[in-house]
Protein backbone atom coordinates (compact mmCIF):
# COMPACT_ATOMS: atom_id res chain seq x y z
CA MET A 1 47.89 -78.42 -22.76
CA HIS A 2 45.53 -76.88 -25.50
CA ASN A 3 42.69 -78.13 -23.79
CA ILE A 4 44.01 -76.54 -20.73
CA ASP A 5 44.21 -73.20 -22.41
CA LYS A 6 41.08 -73.59 -24.19
CA ASP A 7 39.49 -73.73 -20.75
CA ILE A 8 40.94 -70.96 -18.97
CA TRP A 9 41.69 -68.57 -21.85
CA GLY A 10 38.79 -69.71 -24.67
CA PRO A 11 35.46 -68.53 -25.01
CA LYS A 12 32.67 -69.11 -22.03
CA ASP A 13 29.98 -70.92 -22.64
CA GLY A 14 29.56 -73.22 -20.06
CA HIS A 15 30.93 -76.11 -21.24
CA GLU A 16 32.20 -79.03 -19.09
CA GLY A 17 35.89 -77.86 -17.37
CA GLU A 18 35.72 -74.24 -17.98
CA ILE A 19 37.41 -72.53 -15.73
CA PRO A 20 35.80 -68.44 -14.86
CA LEU A 21 38.42 -65.74 -14.58
CA PRO A 22 38.21 -64.36 -11.47
CA VAL A 23 38.34 -60.43 -11.75
CA PRO A 24 41.94 -59.36 -10.91
CA PHE A 25 42.12 -57.26 -7.40
CA GLN A 26 42.73 -53.45 -7.53
CA GLU A 27 46.08 -52.76 -6.84
CA PRO A 28 46.17 -48.97 -6.06
CA LYS A 29 49.73 -48.01 -7.24
CA TYR A 30 48.40 -49.52 -11.03
CA ILE A 31 44.81 -49.03 -11.23
CA THR A 32 42.70 -46.32 -10.92
CA LYS A 33 39.45 -46.09 -10.30
CA GLY A 34 38.78 -45.41 -13.63
CA HIS A 35 40.89 -48.25 -15.34
CA LEU A 36 38.84 -50.33 -12.45
CA GLU A 37 35.19 -49.38 -13.61
CA GLY A 38 36.82 -49.75 -17.23
CA MET A 39 37.60 -53.66 -16.38
CA LEU A 40 34.81 -54.58 -14.38
CA ASP A 41 32.08 -53.09 -17.27
CA VAL A 42 34.00 -54.63 -20.28
CA GLU A 43 31.70 -57.73 -18.84
CA GLY A 44 30.41 -59.09 -21.96
CA ARG A 45 31.42 -56.69 -24.22
CA THR A 46 34.95 -55.85 -26.24
CA ILE A 47 34.54 -52.05 -25.62
CA ARG A 48 32.96 -50.31 -23.34
CA LYS A 49 29.93 -48.16 -24.82
CA SER A 50 30.22 -44.47 -24.23
CA ARG A 51 27.93 -42.54 -21.79
CA HIS A 52 25.84 -41.42 -24.57
CA GLN A 53 25.16 -44.64 -25.83
CA GLU A 54 24.64 -46.52 -22.57
CA LYS A 55 22.07 -43.04 -21.76
CA ARG A 56 20.15 -44.13 -24.99
CA GLN A 57 19.75 -48.05 -24.50
CA ASP A 58 17.09 -49.77 -23.39
CA GLY A 59 17.02 -50.88 -19.81
CA SER A 60 16.50 -54.64 -19.42
CA ALA A 61 13.46 -55.98 -18.12
CA GLY A 62 15.22 -57.40 -14.79
CA SER A 63 15.73 -60.80 -13.08
CA THR A 64 14.65 -60.43 -9.99
CA ALA A 65 10.81 -59.05 -10.33
CA LEU A 66 8.24 -61.08 -9.27
CA VAL A 67 6.67 -63.28 -11.95
CA SER A 68 3.68 -61.42 -11.37
CA THR A 69 5.22 -57.91 -11.92
CA LEU A 70 5.91 -55.94 -15.17
CA ALA A 71 9.10 -54.66 -14.62
CA THR A 72 8.85 -51.85 -16.97
CA CYS A 73 5.90 -50.54 -14.02
CA SER A 74 6.38 -48.90 -10.88
CA LEU A 75 9.58 -49.48 -8.38
CA TRP A 76 10.82 -52.38 -11.02
CA SER A 77 11.52 -50.07 -13.79
CA ARG A 78 14.84 -49.20 -12.12
CA THR A 79 17.27 -52.14 -12.38
CA THR A 80 20.80 -52.49 -12.50
CA SER A 81 20.97 -51.68 -16.14
CA HIS A 82 22.92 -48.03 -15.64
CA MET A 83 23.91 -48.02 -11.84
CA SER A 84 27.38 -47.54 -11.58
CA ILE A 85 30.26 -49.86 -10.02
CA ASP A 86 29.46 -47.61 -7.21
CA ASP A 87 25.93 -47.88 -7.12
CA LEU A 88 26.62 -51.98 -7.12
CA TYR A 89 29.44 -52.45 -4.62
CA PRO A 90 28.87 -48.66 -2.52
CA ALA A 91 31.40 -48.15 -0.06
CA GLU A 92 29.34 -46.56 2.77
CA HIS A 93 27.38 -48.77 5.27
CA PRO A 94 24.84 -47.19 7.57
CA PHE A 95 26.70 -48.52 10.77
CA ILE A 96 29.83 -47.75 9.91
CA HIS A 97 31.68 -44.31 10.24
CA VAL A 98 35.29 -44.17 9.36
CA LEU A 99 37.89 -41.13 9.41
CA LYS A 100 41.38 -40.58 7.86
CA GLU A 101 44.54 -39.19 9.16
CA SER A 102 45.84 -37.65 6.29
CA ASP A 103 45.14 -36.19 2.99
CA ASP A 104 46.74 -38.85 0.82
CA LEU A 105 43.76 -40.19 -1.11
CA GLU A 106 45.00 -43.30 -1.22
CA GLU A 107 45.25 -43.88 2.25
CA THR A 108 42.15 -46.28 3.62
CA PRO A 109 39.95 -45.18 6.60
CA PHE A 110 39.97 -46.56 9.77
CA ALA A 111 36.52 -47.34 12.05
CA ALA A 112 35.42 -44.66 14.39
CA THR A 113 32.63 -44.52 17.28
CA MET A 114 28.98 -43.38 16.69
CA THR A 115 30.60 -40.17 18.41
CA GLY A 116 33.68 -39.78 15.95
CA PHE A 117 36.76 -40.63 18.23
CA PRO A 118 38.89 -43.49 16.35
CA LEU A 119 38.18 -47.31 17.77
CA TYR A 120 41.21 -48.87 18.52
CA LYS A 121 41.74 -52.98 18.95
CA GLY A 122 42.95 -52.52 22.11
CA SER A 123 39.06 -53.10 22.56
CA TYR A 124 39.69 -56.36 21.55
CA CYS A 125 41.03 -59.06 23.85
CA ILE A 126 44.29 -59.75 22.14
CA ARG A 127 47.34 -62.07 23.05
CA HIS A 128 50.46 -62.52 20.81
CA ASN A 129 50.47 -64.61 17.87
CA MET A 130 47.06 -65.38 18.54
CA ALA A 131 43.86 -63.97 16.48
CA PRO A 132 41.47 -61.49 19.10
CA LEU A 133 38.63 -63.46 20.29
CA GLY A 134 36.07 -63.90 17.21
CA PHE A 135 38.61 -63.28 14.74
CA GLN A 136 40.25 -64.96 12.06
CA GLN A 137 43.36 -65.12 10.69
CA ASN A 138 43.19 -64.14 7.26
CA LYS A 139 44.05 -66.99 5.55
CA GLY A 140 42.75 -70.43 3.73
CA ASP A 141 38.73 -70.56 4.30
CA HIS A 142 38.66 -67.46 6.08
CA PHE A 143 40.19 -65.56 3.69
CA VAL A 144 38.45 -61.88 2.50
CA SER A 145 40.13 -59.64 0.63
CA PHE A 146 41.05 -56.60 2.75
CA PRO A 147 43.85 -54.61 1.38
CA ILE A 148 44.49 -51.81 3.85
CA LYS A 149 46.85 -48.77 2.54
CA ALA A 150 48.17 -46.64 5.86
CA PRO A 151 50.26 -43.53 5.10
CA ASN A 152 53.30 -43.72 3.75
CA GLU A 153 53.44 -47.96 4.10
CA GLU A 154 52.86 -50.20 1.07
CA VAL A 155 49.35 -51.82 0.83
CA ARG A 156 49.01 -55.08 2.94
CA GLN A 157 46.07 -57.32 3.61
CA VAL A 158 45.04 -57.14 7.25
CA GLU A 159 45.85 -60.14 9.02
CA TYR A 160 42.97 -61.03 11.00
CA VAL A 161 39.23 -60.82 9.90
CA GLN A 162 36.04 -60.83 11.44
CA VAL A 163 32.63 -61.24 9.36
CA ILE A 164 29.12 -59.86 10.76
CA LEU A 165 26.00 -61.29 8.75
CA HIS A 166 24.28 -58.08 9.56
CA PRO A 167 21.58 -57.61 7.03
CA ASN A 168 24.37 -55.01 5.40
CA PRO A 169 27.07 -57.34 5.99
CA ILE A 170 30.63 -56.27 7.27
CA VAL A 171 33.73 -57.43 7.49
CA ILE A 172 36.21 -56.18 10.66
CA GLY A 173 40.17 -55.92 9.56
CA LEU A 174 42.67 -56.10 11.98
CA ARG A 175 46.58 -55.45 11.83
CA ASP A 176 49.58 -57.00 14.16
CA ASN A 177 51.48 -53.38 13.38
CA SER A 178 48.25 -50.86 14.11
CA GLN A 179 46.00 -50.37 16.53
CA LYS A 180 43.42 -48.92 14.10
CA VAL A 181 40.34 -51.12 13.37
CA TYR A 182 39.06 -51.35 9.73
CA MET A 183 35.40 -52.20 8.70
CA GLN A 184 34.04 -52.18 4.83
CA PRO A 185 30.85 -53.55 3.91
CA LEU A 186 31.22 -57.29 2.52
CA TYR A 187 30.18 -58.06 -0.83
CA ALA A 188 30.64 -61.38 -3.06
CA VAL A 189 34.04 -61.53 -5.46
CA PRO A 190 32.64 -60.76 -8.88
CA ILE A 191 33.83 -63.66 -11.62
CA PHE A 192 35.07 -62.64 -15.13
CA HIS A 193 32.89 -64.34 -17.56
CA TYR A 194 34.15 -63.42 -21.76
CA ASN A 195 30.15 -63.73 -22.17
CA GLY A 196 29.11 -61.27 -19.78
CA LYS A 197 27.35 -62.79 -16.48
CA PRO A 198 25.06 -64.83 -16.15
CA VAL A 199 21.13 -63.65 -15.41
CA TYR A 200 18.80 -65.05 -12.26
CA LYS A 201 15.40 -65.92 -12.95
CA ALA A 202 12.87 -65.17 -9.64
CA GLN A 203 12.67 -69.05 -10.13
CA GLU A 204 16.24 -69.54 -9.78
CA LEU A 205 16.66 -67.96 -6.77
CA GLU A 206 14.17 -69.22 -4.69
CA MET A 207 16.42 -72.24 -3.66
CA LEU A 208 18.65 -69.18 -1.66
CA LYS A 209 15.84 -68.06 -0.04
CA MET A 210 15.54 -68.93 3.68
CA ASP A 211 11.82 -70.63 4.38
CA VAL A 212 12.77 -72.73 1.21
CA GLU A 213 13.08 -76.62 1.18
CA GLY A 214 16.09 -77.80 0.95
CA LYS A 215 17.81 -74.93 2.61
CA ALA A 216 20.13 -77.25 5.23
CA GLN A 217 21.74 -78.83 1.89
CA THR A 218 21.98 -75.39 0.20
CA ASP A 219 23.32 -73.80 3.50
CA CYS A 220 25.67 -76.91 3.64
CA MET A 221 27.06 -76.63 -0.41
CA ILE A 222 27.80 -73.15 0.26
CA HIS A 223 29.51 -73.93 3.19
CA HIS A 224 31.69 -75.93 0.94
CA LEU A 225 32.78 -73.42 -0.99
CA HIS A 226 34.96 -71.60 1.53
CA ASP A 227 34.09 -68.44 0.31
CA PRO A 228 33.16 -65.94 3.87
CA SER A 229 32.26 -63.21 1.07
CA LEU A 230 29.72 -65.44 -1.25
CA THR A 231 28.61 -66.95 2.48
CA ALA A 232 27.84 -63.41 3.48
CA GLU A 233 25.96 -62.16 -0.01
CA VAL A 234 23.37 -64.98 0.39
CA HIS A 235 22.39 -63.82 3.78
CA HIS A 236 22.02 -60.66 2.67
CA PHE A 237 19.90 -61.82 -0.29
CA ARG A 238 17.98 -63.80 2.40
CA MET A 239 17.40 -60.76 4.76
CA MET A 240 16.44 -58.33 1.45
CA SER A 241 13.79 -61.05 0.36
CA GLN A 242 12.29 -61.28 4.15
CA LYS A 243 12.09 -57.30 4.29
CA LEU A 244 11.03 -56.85 0.66
CA ALA A 245 7.89 -59.96 1.49
CA ARG A 246 7.36 -58.11 4.68
CA LEU A 247 6.61 -55.04 2.49
CA GLU A 248 4.47 -56.35 0.40
CA GLU A 249 2.11 -57.56 2.72
CA ALA A 250 1.57 -54.68 4.45
CA ILE A 251 1.38 -53.10 0.82
CA ALA A 252 -1.43 -55.77 0.19
CA GLU A 253 -3.37 -55.05 3.60
CA SER A 254 -2.91 -51.24 3.04
CA LYS A 255 -4.36 -51.73 -0.67
CA ASP A 256 -7.34 -54.17 1.29
CA ARG A 257 -7.92 -51.23 4.48
CA TRP A 258 -7.65 -48.57 1.58
CA GLY A 259 -10.58 -50.12 -0.37
CA GLU A 260 -13.01 -50.89 2.91
CA ILE A 261 -12.30 -47.25 3.46
CA ALA A 262 -12.84 -45.68 0.19
CA ALA A 263 -16.38 -47.83 -0.24
CA ALA A 264 -17.14 -46.45 3.57
CA GLN A 265 -16.62 -43.37 1.96
CA CYS A 266 -18.76 -43.64 -1.19
CA LYS A 267 -21.62 -44.57 1.08
CA THR A 268 -21.41 -41.76 3.03
CA ILE A 269 -21.26 -39.67 0.03
CA TRP A 270 -24.26 -41.77 -1.51
CA ARG A 271 -26.27 -40.55 1.28
CA LEU A 272 -25.31 -37.12 1.35
CA GLU A 273 -26.49 -36.65 -2.07
CA MET A 274 -29.69 -38.54 -1.38
CA ALA A 275 -30.60 -36.18 1.81
CA ASP A 276 -29.14 -33.31 -0.81
CA ALA A 277 -26.92 -32.19 1.77
CA LEU A 278 -25.44 -29.57 0.14
CA ALA A 279 -28.07 -27.48 -0.85
CA GLN A 280 -29.57 -27.54 2.63
CA ILE A 281 -26.49 -26.35 3.51
CA LYS A 282 -26.23 -23.66 0.95
CA ASP A 283 -29.73 -22.68 2.03
CA GLN A 284 -28.80 -22.03 5.65
CA ASP A 285 -25.95 -19.64 4.66
CA GLU A 286 -28.33 -17.43 3.02
CA GLY A 287 -30.57 -17.36 6.28
CA LEU A 288 -27.50 -16.55 8.50
CA LEU A 289 -27.04 -13.54 6.01
CA ASP A 290 -30.60 -12.71 6.48
CA ASP A 291 -30.44 -13.14 10.16
CA VAL A 292 -26.58 -11.12 9.88
CA MET A 293 -28.81 -7.94 8.00
CA ARG A 294 -31.75 -7.82 9.91
CA SER A 295 -29.96 -8.28 13.51
CA PHE A 296 -28.00 -5.05 11.89
CA GLY A 297 -30.62 -3.36 10.94
CA GLU A 298 -32.29 -3.90 14.89
CA SER A 299 -29.00 -2.48 16.41
CA ALA A 300 -29.21 0.73 13.83
CA GLN A 301 -33.04 1.73 14.73
CA ARG A 302 -32.40 0.97 18.57
CA GLY A 303 -29.69 3.21 18.51
CA ARG A 304 -31.97 6.68 16.89
CA CYS A 305 -34.08 5.85 19.55
CA ALA A 306 -31.61 6.17 21.90
């Protein structure tokens, strides 16, 4: 019994049998947003630092930057060191539009069409006591934490879920006693460790990428975790890795093209200098002024003769 207590509540040092503690789900009636942020920010430290201390703290070198990239330069200088919970787990999604039917701050927004009309679950094929087509009952291996707070109702989990592995994954939730459709971004559920979260190196994350050897085995191991949110997060990582690789390739090609164009321009500048082009052009400017004055004098003389 002592060993079990130590594995659960003792220091988290990665020893065999260690049991990580999942971050408790938010209960809107008892946990305010500020308390939730405090609970998550306490990870790895006893007391959360003040805002002033956080601003003075040096940023970390980052963990996912490429080996050849200096973490303190360019875009990599912005790491997750000073990001808030809302930055790391944003509630907004580029393809999700939501509405609310009351002023209740605790009400869960429901999905709307792109034109702003409520989206109803009647658009799905519904059968009594059966999950709609494409949905799973929200339990067991398919469970996704998706608590819903409707006006004048208690908080309840959705009965049916559908995970969409978009480049920014989302989850759709339905309830038996409501015609509304609920959507939200899907993120991996955080795990609480007393000694702080692990920091992954770029080399360690290679196994999660799309085009690496052993991907099938990695996918099999992920599947056996039976965690839809973690599966979606790995998918999100792969999509962002591919997009970043394409962007880096485009930047490299742009640099090469820029070098070619800059070299061609330098050659034209050299040839202009060899021809002393500016002096010749300026001489023409003085000649044009003489021509204008001559034309003006001739015009004045003809006027007097007339």
